[in-house]
Amino acid sequence: MLKKGIPRHSQISQWIRNQIDEGLFEPEEKLPSENELAKKFDVSRVTIRRALQSLESEDIIYRCQGLGSFVSDKRTPHNLVRLTDFNEDMDRAGLNASSEVHEFKVIEAPTWLQAPLQIEEGTKVLQIDRLRLGDGKPIAFDSTWLTIFYGQLLSADTLKHSTIYKILEDEYDIKVVRGTYRFTADIADKQLSAELNVEEGSPLLLIERSTYTIGNKPVYFQRRYYRTDKVMYEMTLERPQESNGNFANMPLKEFIPIFNR
């Protein structure tokens, strides 16, 4: 099976890569053991370890001591300790971000929206509904509401390839300085199932987000529905030890979305 003139560990690494690319080894599936691979290719375990180390360095697989090697789920973490927008998240994940604007209309704000936007009853707001895509595939669907003051600075055409953050900050020098997030679970209704290409009743991750500019002024309120097979969130905490030997509060080190390609 192995060819002469090419390092054996390189050939074995490529064989495993091909198996993963062809779907013969699924994400999170355990690979054959070092002994099994050594017998298959008639090589030493040292050669197998070199092949696996190469794959691990490329994040194609990961290894757990005492358990073996597993196929990476190909999800890429992104730092959300700082406030990011959808395009920035996609860029860090190595995905090409785009959006389809399905609604861009002025409505009278419903009662529940008065508090998040700090507006009075009867105030007109701009509602924007977008399907968010990564490499052309549906990842999320969001509805965003802005006061007319900020909404008038946007256009449906520009939002196909840019974001609210980028337009306000780059073109109008309106800085988005703070955001609050609330995470809940939801299920896909008829509209969301059609938008996200999932079965009706499928679980979704709902993130409600309020963003603010200088002076604690609300910029927008948003509801984003993520496909749960495309994203999950991972939190990293530190456990610092004080000089007296006691453990202090654990500050948030990372809070990251992980996307499945």
C-alpha atoms as a PDB file:
ATOM      1  CA  MET A   1       0.000   0.000   0.000  1.00  0.00           C
ATOM      2  CA  LEU A   2       2.844   2.410   0.801  1.00  0.00           C
ATOM      3  CA  LYS A   3       5.009   3.740  -2.034  1.00  0.00           C
ATOM      4  CA  LYS A   4       8.784   3.906  -2.063  1.00  0.00           C
ATOM      5  CA  GLY A   5      10.554   7.255  -2.039  1.00  0.00           C
ATOM      6  CA  ILE A   6       7.870   9.033   0.039  1.00  0.00           C
ATOM      7  CA  PRO A   7       8.137   9.137   3.854  1.00  0.00           C
ATOM      8  CA  ARG A   8       5.866   6.490   5.259  1.00  0.00           C
ATOM      9  CA  HIS A   9       4.414   8.723   7.962  1.00  0.00           C
ATOM     10  CA  SER A  10       3.445  11.303   5.292  1.00  0.00           C
ATOM     11  CA  GLN A  11       1.626   8.663   3.263  1.00  0.00           C
ATOM     12  CA  ILE A  12      -0.239   7.448   6.328  1.00  0.00           C
ATOM     13  CA  SER A  13      -1.222  11.016   7.258  1.00  0.00           C
ATOM     14  CA  GLN A  14      -2.544  11.562   3.741  1.00  0.00           C
ATOM     15  CA  TRP A  15      -4.491   8.295   3.837  1.00  0.00           C
ATOM     16  CA  ILE A  16      -6.211   9.326   7.063  1.00  0.00           C
ATOM     17  CA  ARG A  17      -6.924  12.803   5.612  1.00  0.00           C
ATOM     18  CA  ASN A  18      -8.548  11.211   2.574  1.00  0.00           C
ATOM     19  CA  GLN A  19     -10.660   8.932   4.750  1.00  0.00           C
ATOM     20  CA  ILE A  20     -11.901  11.942   6.734  1.00  0.00           C
ATOM     21  CA  ASP A  21     -12.546  14.044   3.599  1.00  0.00           C
ATOM     22  CA  GLU A  22     -14.565  11.207   2.085  1.00  0.00           C
ATOM     23  CA  GLY A  23     -16.670  10.886   5.238  1.00  0.00           C
ATOM     24  CA  LEU A  24     -15.407   7.422   6.143  1.00  0.00           C
ATOM     25  CA  PHE A  25     -14.349   8.807   9.522  1.00  0.00           C
ATOM     26  CA  GLU A  26     -17.015  11.139  10.926  1.00  0.00           C
ATOM     27  CA  PRO A  27     -16.405  14.156  13.207  1.00  0.00           C
ATOM     28  CA  GLU A  28     -15.771  13.008  16.798  1.00  0.00           C
ATOM     29  CA  GLU A  29     -15.309   9.410  15.623  1.00  0.00           C
ATOM     30  CA  LYS A  30     -12.436   7.490  17.155  1.00  0.00           C
ATOM     31  CA  LEU A  31      -9.671   6.498  14.744  1.00  0.00           C
ATOM     32  CA  PRO A  32      -8.147   3.002  14.719  1.00  0.00           C
ATOM     33  CA  SER A  33      -5.578   2.540  17.475  1.00  0.00           C
ATOM     34  CA  GLU A  34      -1.856   2.950  16.916  1.00  0.00           C
ATOM     35  CA  ASN A  35      -1.468  -0.829  17.013  1.00  0.00           C
ATOM     36  CA  GLU A  36      -4.217  -1.331  14.446  1.00  0.00           C
ATOM     37  CA  LEU A  37      -2.733   1.284  12.111  1.00  0.00           C
ATOM     38  CA  ALA A  38       0.766  -0.159  12.559  1.00  0.00           C
ATOM     39  CA  LYS A  39      -0.493  -3.607  11.543  1.00  0.00           C
ATOM     40  CA  LYS A  40      -2.475  -2.204   8.618  1.00  0.00           C
ATOM     41  CA  PHE A  41       0.525  -0.412   7.120  1.00  0.00           C
ATOM     42  CA  ASP A  42       3.171  -2.821   8.433  1.00  0.00           C
ATOM     43  CA  VAL A  43       5.131  -0.047  10.135  1.00  0.00           C
ATOM     44  CA  SER A  44       6.260   0.731  13.666  1.00  0.00           C
ATOM     45  CA  ARG A  45       4.143   2.614  16.190  1.00  0.00           C
ATOM     46  CA  VAL A  46       6.745   5.400  16.062  1.00  0.00           C
ATOM     47  CA  THR A  47       5.861   5.963  12.402  1.00  0.00           C
ATOM     48  CA  ILE A  48       2.157   6.001  13.259  1.00  0.00           C
ATOM     49  CA  ARG A  49       2.743   8.522  16.042  1.00  0.00           C
ATOM     50  CA  ARG A  50       4.547  10.836  13.610  1.00  0.00           C
ATOM     51  CA  ALA A  51       1.635  10.595  11.199  1.00  0.00           C
ATOM     52  CA  LEU A  52      -0.875  11.375  13.947  1.00  0.00           C
ATOM     53  CA  GLN A  53       1.215  14.245  15.284  1.00  0.00           C
ATOM     54  CA  SER A  54       1.174  15.812  11.838  1.00  0.00           C
ATOM     55  CA  LEU A  55      -2.617  15.578  11.663  1.00  0.00           C
ATOM     56  CA  GLU A  56      -2.976  16.916  15.195  1.00  0.00           C
ATOM     57  CA  SER A  57      -0.825  19.959  14.360  1.00  0.00           C
ATOM     58  CA  GLU A  58      -3.246  20.736  11.520  1.00  0.00           C
ATOM     59  CA  ASP A  59      -6.272  20.389  13.857  1.00  0.00           C
ATOM     60  CA  ILE A  60      -7.585  17.551  11.711  1.00  0.00           C
ATOM     61  CA  ILE A  61      -7.593  15.210  14.698  1.00  0.00           C
ATOM     62  CA  TYR A  62      -7.153  15.515  18.446  1.00  0.00           C
ATOM     63  CA  ARG A  63      -5.798  12.987  20.900  1.00  0.00           C
ATOM     64  CA  CYS A  64      -6.957  12.127  24.392  1.00  0.00           C
ATOM     65  CA  GLN A  65      -4.486  10.382  26.663  1.00  0.00           C
ATOM     66  CA  GLY A  66      -5.576   6.835  27.369  1.00  0.00           C
ATOM     67  CA  LEU A  67      -8.483   7.024  24.923  1.00  0.00           C
ATOM     68  CA  GLY A  68      -6.924   7.411  21.498  1.00  0.00           C
ATOM     69  CA  SER A  69      -7.252   9.759  18.519  1.00  0.00           C
ATOM     70  CA  PHE A  70     -10.484  11.364  17.352  1.00  0.00           C
ATOM     71  CA  VAL A  71     -11.556  13.272  14.255  1.00  0.00           C
ATOM     72  CA  SER A  72     -11.867  16.980  14.903  1.00  0.00           C
ATOM     73  CA  ASP A  73     -15.353  18.376  14.357  1.00  0.00           C
ATOM     74  CA  LYS A  74     -13.719  21.158  12.294  1.00  0.00           C
ATOM     75  CA  ARG A  75     -15.239  23.879  14.402  1.00  0.00           C
ATOM     76  CA  THR A  76     -13.124  26.984  14.848  1.00  0.00           C
ATOM     77  CA  PRO A  77     -13.263  28.987  18.091  1.00  0.00           C
ATOM     78  CA  HIS A  78     -13.632  32.778  18.057  1.00  0.00           C
ATOM     79  CA  ASN A  79     -13.100  35.206  20.859  1.00  0.00           C
ATOM     80  CA  LEU A  80     -16.325  36.865  21.968  1.00  0.00           C
ATOM     81  CA  VAL A  81     -14.918  38.458  25.092  1.00  0.00           C
ATOM     82  CA  ARG A  82     -14.610  41.441  22.792  1.00  0.00           C
ATOM     83  CA  LEU A  83     -17.734  42.528  20.940  1.00  0.00           C
ATOM     84  CA  THR A  84     -17.779  41.136  17.409  1.00  0.00           C
ATOM     85  CA  ASP A  85     -20.192  41.111  14.503  1.00  0.00           C
ATOM     86  CA  PHE A  86     -21.267  38.212  12.297  1.00  0.00           C
ATOM     87  CA  ASN A  87     -18.757  38.899   9.515  1.00  0.00           C
ATOM     88  CA  GLU A  88     -15.869  39.051  12.000  1.00  0.00           C
ATOM     89  CA  ASP A  89     -16.948  35.714  13.495  1.00  0.00           C
ATOM     90  CA  MET A  90     -17.155  34.145  10.052  1.00  0.00           C
ATOM     91  CA  ASP A  91     -13.803  35.550   9.002  1.00  0.00           C
ATOM     92  CA  ARG A  92     -12.100  34.083  12.050  1.00  0.00           C
ATOM     93  CA  ALA A  93     -13.779  30.752  11.295  1.00  0.00           C
ATOM     94  CA  GLY A  94     -12.398  30.816   7.753  1.00  0.00           C
ATOM     95  CA  LEU A  95     -15.897  31.103   6.289  1.00  0.00           C
ATOM     96  CA  ASN A  96     -17.108  33.577   3.677  1.00  0.00           C
ATOM     97  CA  ALA A  97     -19.895  35.655   5.233  1.00  0.00           C
ATOM     98  CA  SER A  98     -22.874  36.987   3.334  1.00  0.00           C
ATOM     99  CA  SER A  99     -26.456  37.944   4.100  1.00  0.00           C
ATOM    100  CA  GLU A 100     -29.818  37.884   2.403  1.00  0.00           C
ATOM    101  CA  VAL A 101     -32.012  40.783   3.492  1.00  0.00           C
ATOM    102  CA  HIS A 102     -35.592  39.507   3.634  1.00  0.00           C
ATOM    103  CA  GLU A 103     -37.229  42.455   5.404  1.00  0.00           C
ATOM    104  CA  PHE A 104     -36.236  46.096   5.520  1.00  0.00           C
ATOM    105  CA  LYS A 105     -39.233  48.087   6.682  1.00  0.00           C
ATOM    106  CA  VAL A 106     -40.391  50.773   9.087  1.00  0.00           C
ATOM    107  CA  ILE A 107     -42.909  49.595  11.670  1.00  0.00           C
ATOM    108  CA  GLU A 108     -44.486  50.895  14.853  1.00  0.00           C
ATOM    109  CA  ALA A 109     -42.498  49.457  17.736  1.00  0.00           C
ATOM    110  CA  PRO A 110     -44.359  46.771  19.696  1.00  0.00           C
ATOM    111  CA  THR A 111     -44.700  47.369  23.417  1.00  0.00           C
ATOM    112  CA  TRP A 112     -41.991  44.842  24.386  1.00  0.00           C
ATOM    113  CA  LEU A 113     -39.416  46.746  22.316  1.00  0.00           C
ATOM    114  CA  GLN A 114     -39.806  50.028  24.221  1.00  0.00           C
ATOM    115  CA  ALA A 115     -37.519  49.024  27.101  1.00  0.00           C
ATOM    116  CA  PRO A 116     -34.601  47.587  25.062  1.00  0.00           C
ATOM    117  CA  LEU A 117     -34.494  50.623  22.749  1.00  0.00           C
ATOM    118  CA  GLN A 118     -35.486  53.136  25.443  1.00  0.00           C
ATOM    119  CA  ILE A 119     -38.271  54.531  23.264  1.00  0.00           C
ATOM    120  CA  GLU A 120     -41.833  55.682  23.829  1.00  0.00           C
ATOM    121  CA  GLU A 121     -45.031  53.983  22.783  1.00  0.00           C
ATOM    122  CA  GLY A 122     -45.844  54.527  19.115  1.00  0.00           C
ATOM    123  CA  THR A 123     -42.251  55.232  18.068  1.00  0.00           C
ATOM    124  CA  LYS A 124     -41.341  54.121  14.554  1.00  0.00           C
ATOM    125  CA  VAL A 125     -38.420  51.732  14.187  1.00  0.00           C
ATOM    126  CA  LEU A 126     -36.637  50.006  11.327  1.00  0.00           C
ATOM    127  CA  GLN A 127     -36.954  46.214  11.256  1.00  0.00           C
ATOM    128  CA  ILE A 128     -34.312  44.237   9.356  1.00  0.00           C
ATOM    129  CA  ASP A 129     -34.634  40.482   8.848  1.00  0.00           C
ATOM    130  CA  ARG A 130     -31.567  38.709   7.479  1.00  0.00           C
ATOM    131  CA  LEU A 131     -30.538  35.173   6.643  1.00  0.00           C
ATOM    132  CA  ARG A 132     -26.870  34.886   7.617  1.00  0.00           C
ATOM    133  CA  LEU A 133     -24.729  32.596   5.497  1.00  0.00           C
ATOM    134  CA  GLY A 134     -21.294  31.021   5.839  1.00  0.00           C
ATOM    135  CA  ASP A 135     -19.817  29.823   2.547  1.00  0.00           C
ATOM    136  CA  GLY A 136     -23.289  30.220   1.083  1.00  0.00           C
ATOM    137  CA  LYS A 137     -24.969  27.918   3.623  1.00  0.00           C
ATOM    138  CA  PRO A 138     -27.571  29.045   6.207  1.00  0.00           C
ATOM    139  CA  ILE A 139     -26.111  29.460   9.682  1.00  0.00           C
ATOM    140  CA  ALA A 140     -28.434  31.932  11.389  1.00  0.00           C
ATOM    141  CA  PHE A 141     -31.504  34.074  10.916  1.00  0.00           C
ATOM    142  CA  ASP A 142     -31.885  37.339  12.769  1.00  0.00           C
ATOM    143  CA  SER A 143     -34.365  40.137  13.233  1.00  0.00           C
ATOM    144  CA  THR A 144     -32.957  43.518  14.223  1.00  0.00           C
ATOM    145  CA  TRP A 145     -34.761  46.673  15.309  1.00  0.00           C
ATOM    146  CA  LEU A 146     -33.210  50.158  15.266  1.00  0.00           C
ATOM    147  CA  THR A 147     -34.563  53.611  15.929  1.00  0.00           C
ATOM    148  CA  ILE A 148     -34.972  55.689  12.773  1.00  0.00           C
ATOM    149  CA  PHE A 149     -32.015  57.839  13.834  1.00  0.00           C
ATOM    150  CA  TYR A 150     -29.655  54.914  13.182  1.00  0.00           C
ATOM    151  CA  GLY A 151     -31.837  53.064  10.694  1.00  0.00           C
ATOM    152  CA  GLN A 152     -31.769  55.901   8.170  1.00  0.00           C
ATOM    153  CA  LEU A 153     -28.009  55.381   7.797  1.00  0.00           C
ATOM    154  CA  LEU A 154     -28.445  51.835   6.471  1.00  0.00           C
ATOM    155  CA  SER A 155     -29.600  50.290   3.208  1.00  0.00           C
ATOM    156  CA  ALA A 156     -30.737  46.780   2.337  1.00  0.00           C
ATOM    157  CA  ASP A 157     -28.205  46.537  -0.484  1.00  0.00           C
ATOM    158  CA  THR A 158     -25.211  47.448   1.707  1.00  0.00           C
ATOM    159  CA  LEU A 159     -26.202  44.911   4.357  1.00  0.00           C
ATOM    160  CA  LYS A 160     -25.826  42.022   1.924  1.00  0.00           C
ATOM    161  CA  HIS A 161     -22.058  42.078   2.405  1.00  0.00           C
ATOM    162  CA  SER A 162     -21.469  44.426   5.332  1.00  0.00           C
ATOM    163  CA  THR A 163     -22.738  44.674   8.902  1.00  0.00           C
ATOM    164  CA  ILE A 164     -24.462  47.292  10.995  1.00  0.00           C
ATOM    165  CA  TYR A 165     -21.359  47.631  13.172  1.00  0.00           C
ATOM    166  CA  LYS A 166     -19.057  48.242  10.233  1.00  0.00           C
ATOM    167  CA  ILE A 167     -21.347  50.734   8.488  1.00  0.00           C
ATOM    168  CA  LEU A 168     -21.967  52.819  11.600  1.00  0.00           C
ATOM    169  CA  GLU A 169     -18.339  52.766  12.737  1.00  0.00           C
ATOM    170  CA  ASP A 170     -16.515  53.165   9.414  1.00  0.00           C
ATOM    171  CA  GLU A 171     -18.867  55.489   7.569  1.00  0.00           C
ATOM    172  CA  TYR A 172     -20.411  57.547  10.369  1.00  0.00           C
ATOM    173  CA  ASP A 173     -17.915  57.236  13.239  1.00  0.00           C
ATOM    174  CA  ILE A 174     -20.643  55.894  15.530  1.00  0.00           C
ATOM    175  CA  LYS A 175     -18.826  53.529  17.873  1.00  0.00           C
ATOM    176  CA  VAL A 176     -20.506  50.408  19.200  1.00  0.00           C
ATOM    177  CA  VAL A 177     -18.941  50.106  22.642  1.00  0.00           C
ATOM    178  CA  ARG A 178     -21.036  47.603  24.604  1.00  0.00           C
ATOM    179  CA  GLY A 179     -23.326  44.659  24.117  1.00  0.00           C
ATOM    180  CA  THR A 180     -25.438  42.460  26.355  1.00  0.00           C
ATOM    181  CA  TYR A 181     -26.355  38.890  25.431  1.00  0.00           C
ATOM    182  CA  ARG A 182     -29.079  36.550  26.602  1.00  0.00           C
ATOM    183  CA  PHE A 183     -28.941  32.886  25.536  1.00  0.00           C
ATOM    184  CA  THR A 184     -32.047  30.704  25.426  1.00  0.00           C
ATOM    185  CA  ALA A 185     -33.306  27.668  23.556  1.00  0.00           C
ATOM    186  CA  ASP A 186     -36.072  27.768  20.979  1.00  0.00           C
ATOM    187  CA  ILE A 187     -37.506  25.597  18.232  1.00  0.00           C
ATOM    188  CA  ALA A 188     -37.974  26.301  14.544  1.00  0.00           C
ATOM    189  CA  ASP A 189     -41.457  27.383  13.554  1.00  0.00           C
ATOM    190  CA  LYS A 190     -42.680  27.169   9.959  1.00  0.00           C
ATOM    191  CA  GLN A 191     -40.919  30.392   8.911  1.00  0.00           C
ATOM    192  CA  LEU A 192     -37.590  29.631  10.608  1.00  0.00           C
ATOM    193  CA  SER A 193     -37.543  26.053   9.312  1.00  0.00           C
ATOM    194  CA  ALA A 194     -37.905  27.380   5.769  1.00  0.00           C
ATOM    195  CA  GLU A 195     -35.313  30.118   6.263  1.00  0.00           C
ATOM    196  CA  LEU A 196     -32.690  27.905   7.907  1.00  0.00           C
ATOM    197  CA  ASN A 197     -33.426  24.754   5.914  1.00  0.00           C
ATOM    198  CA  VAL A 198     -34.163  22.634   8.978  1.00  0.00           C
ATOM    199  CA  GLU A 199     -37.114  20.518  10.007  1.00  0.00           C
ATOM    200  CA  GLU A 200     -39.972  22.322  11.729  1.00  0.00           C
ATOM    201  CA  GLY A 201     -39.568  21.809  15.474  1.00  0.00           C
ATOM    202  CA  SER A 202     -35.763  21.532  15.255  1.00  0.00           C
ATOM    203  CA  PRO A 203     -33.862  22.990  18.229  1.00  0.00           C
ATOM    204  CA  LEU A 204     -32.346  26.437  17.746  1.00  0.00           C
ATOM    205  CA  LEU A 205     -30.037  28.596  19.841  1.00  0.00           C
ATOM    206  CA  LEU A 206     -31.632  32.002  20.381  1.00  0.00           C
ATOM    207  CA  ILE A 207     -29.405  34.938  21.271  1.00  0.00           C
ATOM    208  CA  GLU A 208     -31.038  38.234  22.206  1.00  0.00           C
ATOM    209  CA  ARG A 209     -28.565  41.063  21.955  1.00  0.00           C
ATOM    210  CA  SER A 210     -28.697  44.744  22.823  1.00  0.00           C
ATOM    211  CA  THR A 211     -25.864  46.992  21.655  1.00  0.00           C
ATOM    212  CA  TYR A 212     -24.969  50.471  22.814  1.00  0.00           C
ATOM    213  CA  THR A 213     -22.919  53.407  21.656  1.00  0.00           C
ATOM    214  CA  ILE A 214     -21.183  56.086  23.714  1.00  0.00           C
ATOM    215  CA  GLY A 215     -23.382  57.480  26.467  1.00  0.00           C
ATOM    216  CA  ASN A 216     -25.125  54.128  26.913  1.00  0.00           C
ATOM    217  CA  LYS A 217     -27.485  54.882  24.015  1.00  0.00           C
ATOM    218  CA  PRO A 218     -29.115  51.787  22.478  1.00  0.00           C
ATOM    219  CA  VAL A 219     -28.197  51.203  18.847  1.00  0.00           C
ATOM    220  CA  TYR A 220     -30.296  48.121  18.219  1.00  0.00           C
ATOM    221  CA  PHE A 221     -32.027  45.123  19.712  1.00  0.00           C
ATOM    222  CA  GLN A 222     -31.622  41.818  17.911  1.00  0.00           C
ATOM    223  CA  ARG A 223     -32.896  38.262  18.028  1.00  0.00           C
ATOM    224  CA  ARG A 224     -30.629  35.772  16.276  1.00  0.00           C
ATOM    225  CA  TYR A 225     -31.543  32.135  15.753  1.00  0.00           C
ATOM    226  CA  TYR A 226     -28.582  29.824  15.203  1.00  0.00           C
ATOM    227  CA  ARG A 227     -28.759  26.323  13.780  1.00  0.00           C
ATOM    228  CA  THR A 228     -27.491  24.134  16.598  1.00  0.00           C
ATOM    229  CA  ASP A 229     -25.682  21.859  14.156  1.00  0.00           C
ATOM    230  CA  LYS A 230     -23.660  24.875  13.003  1.00  0.00           C
ATOM    231  CA  VAL A 231     -22.630  26.614  16.214  1.00  0.00           C
ATOM    232  CA  MET A 232     -22.070  26.062  19.901  1.00  0.00           C
ATOM    233  CA  TYR A 233     -20.528  28.270  22.558  1.00  0.00           C
ATOM    234  CA  GLU A 234     -17.565  27.441  24.741  1.00  0.00           C
ATOM    235  CA  MET A 235     -16.521  29.268  27.900  1.00  0.00           C
ATOM    236  CA  THR A 236     -13.034  29.366  29.380  1.00  0.00           C
ATOM    237  CA  LEU A 237     -12.485  30.469  32.983  1.00  0.00           C
ATOM    238  CA  GLU A 238      -9.299  31.057  34.891  1.00  0.00           C
ATOM    239  CA  ARG A 239      -8.804  29.969  38.497  1.00  0.00           C
ATOM    240  CA  PRO A 240      -6.275  32.435  39.899  1.00  0.00           C
ATOM    241  CA  GLN A 241      -4.858  31.860  43.344  1.00  0.00           C
ATOM    242  CA  GLU A 242      -4.477  34.726  45.789  1.00  0.00           C
ATOM    243  CA  SER A 243      -1.366  35.236  47.886  1.00  0.00           C
ATOM    244  CA  ASN A 244      -3.130  33.825  50.961  1.00  0.00           C
ATOM    245  CA  GLY A 245      -3.693  30.514  49.201  1.00  0.00           C
ATOM    246  CA  ASN A 246      -7.386  31.039  48.575  1.00  0.00           C
ATOM    247  CA  PHE A 247      -8.868  31.009  45.095  1.00  0.00           C
ATOM    248  CA  ALA A 248     -10.246  34.328  43.900  1.00  0.00           C
ATOM    249  CA  ASN A 249     -13.221  34.851  41.618  1.00  0.00           C
ATOM    250  CA  MET A 250     -12.703  33.310  38.207  1.00  0.00           C
ATOM    251  CA  PRO A 251     -12.641  36.009  35.523  1.00  0.00           C
ATOM    252  CA  LEU A 252     -14.002  35.160  32.102  1.00  0.00           C
ATOM    253  CA  LYS A 253     -11.024  34.368  29.890  1.00  0.00           C
ATOM    254  CA  GLU A 254     -12.818  33.355  26.697  1.00  0.00           C
ATOM    255  CA  PHE A 255     -16.408  33.096  25.543  1.00  0.00           C
ATOM    256  CA  ILE A 256     -16.396  31.792  22.012  1.00  0.00           C
ATOM    257  CA  PRO A 257     -18.757  30.546  19.318  1.00  0.00           C
ATOM    258  CA  ILE A 258     -17.534  27.408  17.561  1.00  0.00           C
ATOM    259  CA  PHE A 259     -18.790  26.931  14.027  1.00  0.00           C
ATOM    260  CA  ASN A 260     -19.259  23.681  12.154  1.00  0.00           C
ATOM    261  CA  ARG A 261     -18.375  24.035   8.475  1.00  0.00           C
END
